Amino acid sequence: MGTDVFALITDWEPMVDAFRTAGDFEFYWDANARQNDRFLAAQAAGTSFDLDAEPELLPYAREHHIFGGFGFVAVEWYFDKLRASLPPHLREPLETFVRTLYAEDPRDCDDLAADGATGRDSSVLYALRPASVRRAVERFEAVPWDELRELDRRETLPELDEERYVPCFGAFEAVLRQQRAWLGDAAECGRGVVAVISQ
């Protein structure tokens, strides 16, 4: 069984209302299961199933899939190794951005639980309301990426030979840039982002 990570670019209030009503994120997984049932029914009937023609799982949210889902999780492990290799002027802005998505206390990056006034759901990796999304984009843009890449080119940044998902700085940056794309998409239309994991 693999690890899948999805980003939901969402109107915020309907997402909070659904989460508050359900008390967890099962309303999303139930919609996912219904879509899977339609796929299996089409397969059993020998008919085609056009995923692109399917409606969004939630009418107020667009779903994006991350490829290599476990890399999404492994980014945090790589950062734990990376941070000690960085001078403060590089470490501090990078850590500020990374901890926006990968907080040491998961409650610090879960606006859905805070706004829904309910407990956290373990399938939610982070949930950012629109104001938090805008702040995350600003923090990403404040990172001196060119300097970090130059440092990496000089082969001074750690490599994790045992980690096939995020073994080096390039893979680390690629996963964060994919998330930056989601955040930018949400910021442009005043929406929130909920990142969820299925294992």
C-alpha atoms as a PDB file:
ATOM      1  CA  MET A   1       0.000   0.000   0.000  1.00  0.00           C
ATOM      2  CA  GLY A   2       1.410   3.385  -1.010  1.00  0.00           C
ATOM      3  CA  THR A   3       1.253   6.820   0.485  1.00  0.00           C
ATOM      4  CA  ASP A   4      -0.933   9.374  -1.283  1.00  0.00           C
ATOM      5  CA  VAL A   5      -0.984  13.060  -0.467  1.00  0.00           C
ATOM      6  CA  PHE A   6      -3.605  15.459  -1.772  1.00  0.00           C
ATOM      7  CA  ALA A   7      -3.981  19.210  -1.524  1.00  0.00           C
ATOM      8  CA  LEU A   8      -7.459  20.632  -1.417  1.00  0.00           C
ATOM      9  CA  ILE A   9      -7.593  24.226  -2.644  1.00  0.00           C
ATOM     10  CA  THR A  10     -10.758  25.216  -0.882  1.00  0.00           C
ATOM     11  CA  ASP A  11     -13.283  27.874  -0.087  1.00  0.00           C
ATOM     12  CA  TRP A  12     -12.618  28.140   3.613  1.00  0.00           C
ATOM     13  CA  GLU A  13     -15.961  28.521   5.363  1.00  0.00           C
ATOM     14  CA  PRO A  14     -17.675  25.524   3.682  1.00  0.00           C
ATOM     15  CA  MET A  15     -14.658  23.359   4.538  1.00  0.00           C
ATOM     16  CA  VAL A  16     -14.730  24.486   8.174  1.00  0.00           C
ATOM     17  CA  ASP A  17     -18.500  23.924   8.367  1.00  0.00           C
ATOM     18  CA  ALA A  18     -18.193  20.398   6.940  1.00  0.00           C
ATOM     19  CA  PHE A  19     -15.335  19.566   9.297  1.00  0.00           C
ATOM     20  CA  ARG A  20     -17.170  20.955  12.316  1.00  0.00           C
ATOM     21  CA  THR A  21     -20.349  19.041  11.441  1.00  0.00           C
ATOM     22  CA  ALA A  22     -18.532  15.740  10.847  1.00  0.00           C
ATOM     23  CA  GLY A  23     -16.082  16.155  13.721  1.00  0.00           C
ATOM     24  CA  ASP A  24     -13.306  14.673  11.565  1.00  0.00           C
ATOM     25  CA  PHE A  25     -12.267  14.406   7.912  1.00  0.00           C
ATOM     26  CA  GLU A  26     -14.408  11.342   7.102  1.00  0.00           C
ATOM     27  CA  PHE A  27     -16.711  13.432   4.893  1.00  0.00           C
ATOM     28  CA  TYR A  28     -13.814  13.754   2.438  1.00  0.00           C
ATOM     29  CA  TRP A  29     -12.870  10.066   2.583  1.00  0.00           C
ATOM     30  CA  ASP A  30     -16.545   9.107   2.152  1.00  0.00           C
ATOM     31  CA  ALA A  31     -16.687  11.182  -1.057  1.00  0.00           C
ATOM     32  CA  ASN A  32     -13.452   9.521  -2.170  1.00  0.00           C
ATOM     33  CA  ALA A  33     -14.938   6.058  -1.478  1.00  0.00           C
ATOM     34  CA  ARG A  34     -18.056   6.893  -3.513  1.00  0.00           C
ATOM     35  CA  GLN A  35     -15.860   7.814  -6.472  1.00  0.00           C
ATOM     36  CA  ASN A  36     -13.918   4.560  -6.060  1.00  0.00           C
ATOM     37  CA  ASP A  37     -17.228   2.644  -6.040  1.00  0.00           C
ATOM     38  CA  ARG A  38     -18.192   4.269  -9.362  1.00  0.00           C
ATOM     39  CA  PHE A  39     -14.813   3.279 -10.810  1.00  0.00           C
ATOM     40  CA  LEU A  40     -15.196  -0.330  -9.645  1.00  0.00           C
ATOM     41  CA  ALA A  41     -18.751  -0.502 -10.982  1.00  0.00           C
ATOM     42  CA  ALA A  42     -17.606   0.745 -14.393  1.00  0.00           C
ATOM     43  CA  GLN A  43     -14.746  -1.756 -14.373  1.00  0.00           C
ATOM     44  CA  ALA A  44     -17.092  -4.630 -13.489  1.00  0.00           C
ATOM     45  CA  ALA A  45     -19.484  -3.577 -16.262  1.00  0.00           C
ATOM     46  CA  GLY A  46     -16.636  -3.365 -18.775  1.00  0.00           C
ATOM     47  CA  THR A  47     -17.258   0.321 -19.401  1.00  0.00           C
ATOM     48  CA  SER A  48     -14.768   3.160 -19.317  1.00  0.00           C
ATOM     49  CA  PHE A  49     -14.373   5.488 -16.348  1.00  0.00           C
ATOM     50  CA  ASP A  50     -13.288   9.022 -17.188  1.00  0.00           C
ATOM     51  CA  LEU A  51     -11.793  10.500 -14.041  1.00  0.00           C
ATOM     52  CA  ASP A  52     -11.451  13.884 -15.767  1.00  0.00           C
ATOM     53  CA  ALA A  53     -15.216  13.951 -16.299  1.00  0.00           C
ATOM     54  CA  GLU A  54     -15.895  13.289 -12.623  1.00  0.00           C
ATOM     55  CA  PRO A  55     -17.041  16.223 -10.476  1.00  0.00           C
ATOM     56  CA  GLU A  56     -14.743  17.405  -7.702  1.00  0.00           C
ATOM     57  CA  LEU A  57     -15.088  15.269  -4.579  1.00  0.00           C
ATOM     58  CA  LEU A  58     -16.198  18.343  -2.652  1.00  0.00           C
ATOM     59  CA  PRO A  59     -18.090  21.070  -4.543  1.00  0.00           C
ATOM     60  CA  TYR A  60     -16.114  23.864  -2.867  1.00  0.00           C
ATOM     61  CA  ALA A  61     -12.605  22.385  -3.254  1.00  0.00           C
ATOM     62  CA  ARG A  62     -10.222  21.464  -6.075  1.00  0.00           C
ATOM     63  CA  GLU A  63      -8.074  18.413  -5.441  1.00  0.00           C
ATOM     64  CA  HIS A  64      -4.403  18.170  -6.448  1.00  0.00           C
ATOM     65  CA  HIS A  65      -2.317  15.016  -6.099  1.00  0.00           C
ATOM     66  CA  ILE A  66       1.364  15.002  -5.189  1.00  0.00           C
ATOM     67  CA  PHE A  67       3.491  12.434  -6.966  1.00  0.00           C
ATOM     68  CA  GLY A  68       5.770  10.406  -4.711  1.00  0.00           C
ATOM     69  CA  GLY A  69       3.561  11.020  -1.703  1.00  0.00           C
ATOM     70  CA  PHE A  70       5.983   9.747   0.898  1.00  0.00           C
ATOM     71  CA  GLY A  71       8.464  12.422  -0.168  1.00  0.00           C
ATOM     72  CA  PHE A  72       5.990  14.913   1.249  1.00  0.00           C
ATOM     73  CA  VAL A  73       6.541  13.376   4.686  1.00  0.00           C
ATOM     74  CA  ALA A  74      10.287  12.792   4.230  1.00  0.00           C
ATOM     75  CA  VAL A  75      10.884  16.520   3.639  1.00  0.00           C
ATOM     76  CA  GLU A  76      10.673  17.076   7.378  1.00  0.00           C
ATOM     77  CA  TRP A  77      13.279  14.399   8.072  1.00  0.00           C
ATOM     78  CA  TYR A  78      15.636  15.891   5.510  1.00  0.00           C
ATOM     79  CA  PHE A  79      15.189  19.350   7.010  1.00  0.00           C
ATOM     80  CA  ASP A  80      16.151  18.023  10.448  1.00  0.00           C
ATOM     81  CA  LYS A  81      19.507  16.985   8.923  1.00  0.00           C
ATOM     82  CA  LEU A  82      19.869  20.077   6.751  1.00  0.00           C
ATOM     83  CA  ARG A  83      19.335  22.810   9.316  1.00  0.00           C
ATOM     84  CA  ALA A  84      22.613  22.186  11.182  1.00  0.00           C
ATOM     85  CA  SER A  85      24.542  22.696   7.907  1.00  0.00           C
ATOM     86  CA  LEU A  86      23.165  26.162   7.263  1.00  0.00           C
ATOM     87  CA  PRO A  87      24.431  29.555   8.426  1.00  0.00           C
ATOM     88  CA  PRO A  88      21.783  31.577  10.288  1.00  0.00           C
ATOM     89  CA  HIS A  89      20.968  33.924   7.366  1.00  0.00           C
ATOM     90  CA  LEU A  90      19.935  30.876   5.316  1.00  0.00           C
ATOM     91  CA  ARG A  91      18.590  28.644   8.070  1.00  0.00           C
ATOM     92  CA  GLU A  92      16.220  31.132   9.678  1.00  0.00           C
ATOM     93  CA  PRO A  93      14.052  32.064   6.654  1.00  0.00           C
ATOM     94  CA  LEU A  94      13.993  28.459   5.451  1.00  0.00           C
ATOM     95  CA  GLU A  95      12.990  27.203   8.881  1.00  0.00           C
ATOM     96  CA  THR A  96      10.286  29.868   9.137  1.00  0.00           C
ATOM     97  CA  PHE A  97       8.755  28.602   5.887  1.00  0.00           C
ATOM     98  CA  VAL A  98       9.186  24.893   6.601  1.00  0.00           C
ATOM     99  CA  ARG A  99       7.656  25.200  10.074  1.00  0.00           C
ATOM    100  CA  THR A 100       4.624  26.917   8.550  1.00  0.00           C
ATOM    101  CA  LEU A 101       3.779  23.552   6.952  1.00  0.00           C
ATOM    102  CA  TYR A 102       5.659  21.137   9.228  1.00  0.00           C
ATOM    103  CA  ALA A 103       5.215  22.612  12.674  1.00  0.00           C
ATOM    104  CA  GLU A 104       6.851  20.936  15.650  1.00  0.00           C
ATOM    105  CA  ASP A 105       3.406  21.005  17.276  1.00  0.00           C
ATOM    106  CA  PRO A 106       0.948  19.920  14.526  1.00  0.00           C
ATOM    107  CA  ARG A 107      -1.748  22.128  16.018  1.00  0.00           C
ATOM    108  CA  ASP A 108       0.291  25.156  14.939  1.00  0.00           C
ATOM    109  CA  CYS A 109      -0.351  24.414  11.258  1.00  0.00           C
ATOM    110  CA  ASP A 110      -3.957  23.215  11.544  1.00  0.00           C
ATOM    111  CA  ASP A 111      -6.309  26.168  11.091  1.00  0.00           C
ATOM    112  CA  LEU A 112      -9.111  23.735  10.230  1.00  0.00           C
ATOM    113  CA  ALA A 113      -9.154  22.252  13.738  1.00  0.00           C
ATOM    114  CA  ALA A 114      -8.798  25.719  15.271  1.00  0.00           C
ATOM    115  CA  ASP A 115     -11.588  27.315  13.212  1.00  0.00           C
ATOM    116  CA  GLY A 116     -13.811  24.243  13.463  1.00  0.00           C
ATOM    117  CA  ALA A 117     -13.345  24.208  17.251  1.00  0.00           C
ATOM    118  CA  THR A 118     -12.831  20.458  17.157  1.00  0.00           C
ATOM    119  CA  GLY A 119      -9.972  18.012  17.548  1.00  0.00           C
ATOM    120  CA  ARG A 120      -7.330  17.336  14.893  1.00  0.00           C
ATOM    121  CA  ASP A 121      -7.791  14.619  12.318  1.00  0.00           C
ATOM    122  CA  SER A 122      -4.601  12.605  11.815  1.00  0.00           C
ATOM    123  CA  SER A 123      -5.106  12.494   8.035  1.00  0.00           C
ATOM    124  CA  VAL A 124      -4.715  16.301   7.862  1.00  0.00           C
ATOM    125  CA  LEU A 125      -1.037  17.190   7.493  1.00  0.00           C
ATOM    126  CA  TYR A 126      -1.689  20.907   7.496  1.00  0.00           C
ATOM    127  CA  ALA A 127      -4.656  23.171   6.957  1.00  0.00           C
ATOM    128  CA  LEU A 128      -4.182  26.870   6.277  1.00  0.00           C
ATOM    129  CA  ARG A 129      -6.937  29.470   6.144  1.00  0.00           C
ATOM    130  CA  PRO A 130      -6.561  32.134   3.397  1.00  0.00           C
ATOM    131  CA  ALA A 131      -4.597  34.562   5.604  1.00  0.00           C
ATOM    132  CA  SER A 132      -2.193  31.771   6.590  1.00  0.00           C
ATOM    133  CA  VAL A 133      -1.800  30.800   2.929  1.00  0.00           C
ATOM    134  CA  ARG A 134      -0.744  34.350   2.050  1.00  0.00           C
ATOM    135  CA  ARG A 135       1.726  34.361   4.946  1.00  0.00           C
ATOM    136  CA  ALA A 136       3.164  31.011   3.786  1.00  0.00           C
ATOM    137  CA  VAL A 137       3.695  32.367   0.250  1.00  0.00           C
ATOM    138  CA  GLU A 138       5.502  35.418   1.675  1.00  0.00           C
ATOM    139  CA  ARG A 139       7.707  33.150   3.790  1.00  0.00           C
ATOM    140  CA  PHE A 140       8.568  30.970   0.790  1.00  0.00           C
ATOM    141  CA  GLU A 141       9.534  34.041  -1.228  1.00  0.00           C
ATOM    142  CA  ALA A 142      11.760  35.265   1.627  1.00  0.00           C
ATOM    143  CA  VAL A 143      13.952  32.149   1.412  1.00  0.00           C
ATOM    144  CA  PRO A 144      17.281  32.811  -0.398  1.00  0.00           C
ATOM    145  CA  TRP A 145      16.856  29.853  -2.744  1.00  0.00           C
ATOM    146  CA  ASP A 146      19.702  30.899  -5.075  1.00  0.00           C
ATOM    147  CA  GLU A 147      22.182  30.943  -2.207  1.00  0.00           C
ATOM    148  CA  LEU A 148      20.963  27.580  -0.979  1.00  0.00           C
ATOM    149  CA  ARG A 149      21.376  26.074  -4.443  1.00  0.00           C
ATOM    150  CA  GLU A 150      24.871  27.516  -4.683  1.00  0.00           C
ATOM    151  CA  LEU A 151      25.734  25.971  -1.331  1.00  0.00           C
ATOM    152  CA  ASP A 152      24.373  22.666  -2.588  1.00  0.00           C
ATOM    153  CA  ARG A 153      26.480  22.923  -5.770  1.00  0.00           C
ATOM    154  CA  ARG A 154      29.582  23.209  -3.593  1.00  0.00           C
ATOM    155  CA  GLU A 155      28.552  19.824  -2.120  1.00  0.00           C
ATOM    156  CA  THR A 156      28.332  21.059   1.438  1.00  0.00           C
ATOM    157  CA  LEU A 157      24.698  20.107   2.076  1.00  0.00           C
ATOM    158  CA  PRO A 158      23.859  16.680   3.503  1.00  0.00           C
ATOM    159  CA  GLU A 159      22.751  13.737   1.433  1.00  0.00           C
ATOM    160  CA  LEU A 160      20.769  10.899   2.955  1.00  0.00           C
ATOM    161  CA  ASP A 161      21.836   7.820   1.031  1.00  0.00           C
ATOM    162  CA  GLU A 162      19.406   5.641   2.969  1.00  0.00           C
ATOM    163  CA  GLU A 163      16.413   7.874   2.139  1.00  0.00           C
ATOM    164  CA  ARG A 164      15.099   7.203  -1.362  1.00  0.00           C
ATOM    165  CA  TYR A 165      12.260   9.730  -1.222  1.00  0.00           C
ATOM    166  CA  VAL A 166      14.107  12.930  -0.278  1.00  0.00           C
ATOM    167  CA  PRO A 167      17.819  12.046  -0.332  1.00  0.00           C
ATOM    168  CA  CYS A 168      19.215  15.475  -1.205  1.00  0.00           C
ATOM    169  CA  PHE A 169      18.580  19.206  -1.302  1.00  0.00           C
ATOM    170  CA  GLY A 170      17.243  19.087  -4.878  1.00  0.00           C
ATOM    171  CA  ALA A 171      14.499  16.623  -3.946  1.00  0.00           C
ATOM    172  CA  PHE A 172      13.731  18.629  -0.784  1.00  0.00           C
ATOM    173  CA  GLU A 173      13.330  21.838  -2.783  1.00  0.00           C
ATOM    174  CA  ALA A 174      11.194  20.114  -5.445  1.00  0.00           C
ATOM    175  CA  VAL A 175       8.637  18.938  -2.865  1.00  0.00           C
ATOM    176  CA  LEU A 176       8.499  22.402  -1.283  1.00  0.00           C
ATOM    177  CA  ARG A 177       8.111  24.038  -4.699  1.00  0.00           C
ATOM    178  CA  GLN A 178       5.186  21.759  -5.477  1.00  0.00           C
ATOM    179  CA  GLN A 179       3.562  22.936  -2.265  1.00  0.00           C
ATOM    180  CA  ARG A 180       4.392  26.541  -3.173  1.00  0.00           C
ATOM    181  CA  ALA A 181       2.427  26.017  -6.392  1.00  0.00           C
ATOM    182  CA  TRP A 182      -0.622  24.932  -4.387  1.00  0.00           C
ATOM    183  CA  LEU A 183      -0.235  27.852  -2.006  1.00  0.00           C
ATOM    184  CA  GLY A 184       0.105  30.304  -4.881  1.00  0.00           C
ATOM    185  CA  ASP A 185      -2.985  28.891  -6.563  1.00  0.00           C
ATOM    186  CA  ALA A 186      -4.952  29.290  -3.336  1.00  0.00           C
ATOM    187  CA  ALA A 187      -3.582  32.783  -2.619  1.00  0.00           C
ATOM    188  CA  GLU A 188      -4.589  34.029  -6.060  1.00  0.00           C
ATOM    189  CA  CYS A 189      -8.233  33.119  -5.483  1.00  0.00           C
ATOM    190  CA  GLY A 190      -8.452  33.828  -1.734  1.00  0.00           C
ATOM    191  CA  ARG A 191      -8.816  30.183  -0.748  1.00  0.00           C
ATOM    192  CA  GLY A 192      -7.330  27.944   1.915  1.00  0.00           C
ATOM    193  CA  VAL A 193      -5.257  24.773   1.547  1.00  0.00           C
ATOM    194  CA  VAL A 194      -5.804  21.457   3.296  1.00  0.00           C
ATOM    195  CA  ALA A 195      -3.112  18.817   2.746  1.00  0.00           C
ATOM    196  CA  VAL A 196      -4.260  15.288   3.542  1.00  0.00           C
ATOM    197  CA  ILE A 197      -2.541  11.903   3.565  1.00  0.00           C
ATOM    198  CA  SER A 198      -3.795   8.400   2.871  1.00  0.00           C
ATOM    199  CA  GLN A 199      -1.646   5.379   3.755  1.00  0.00           C
END
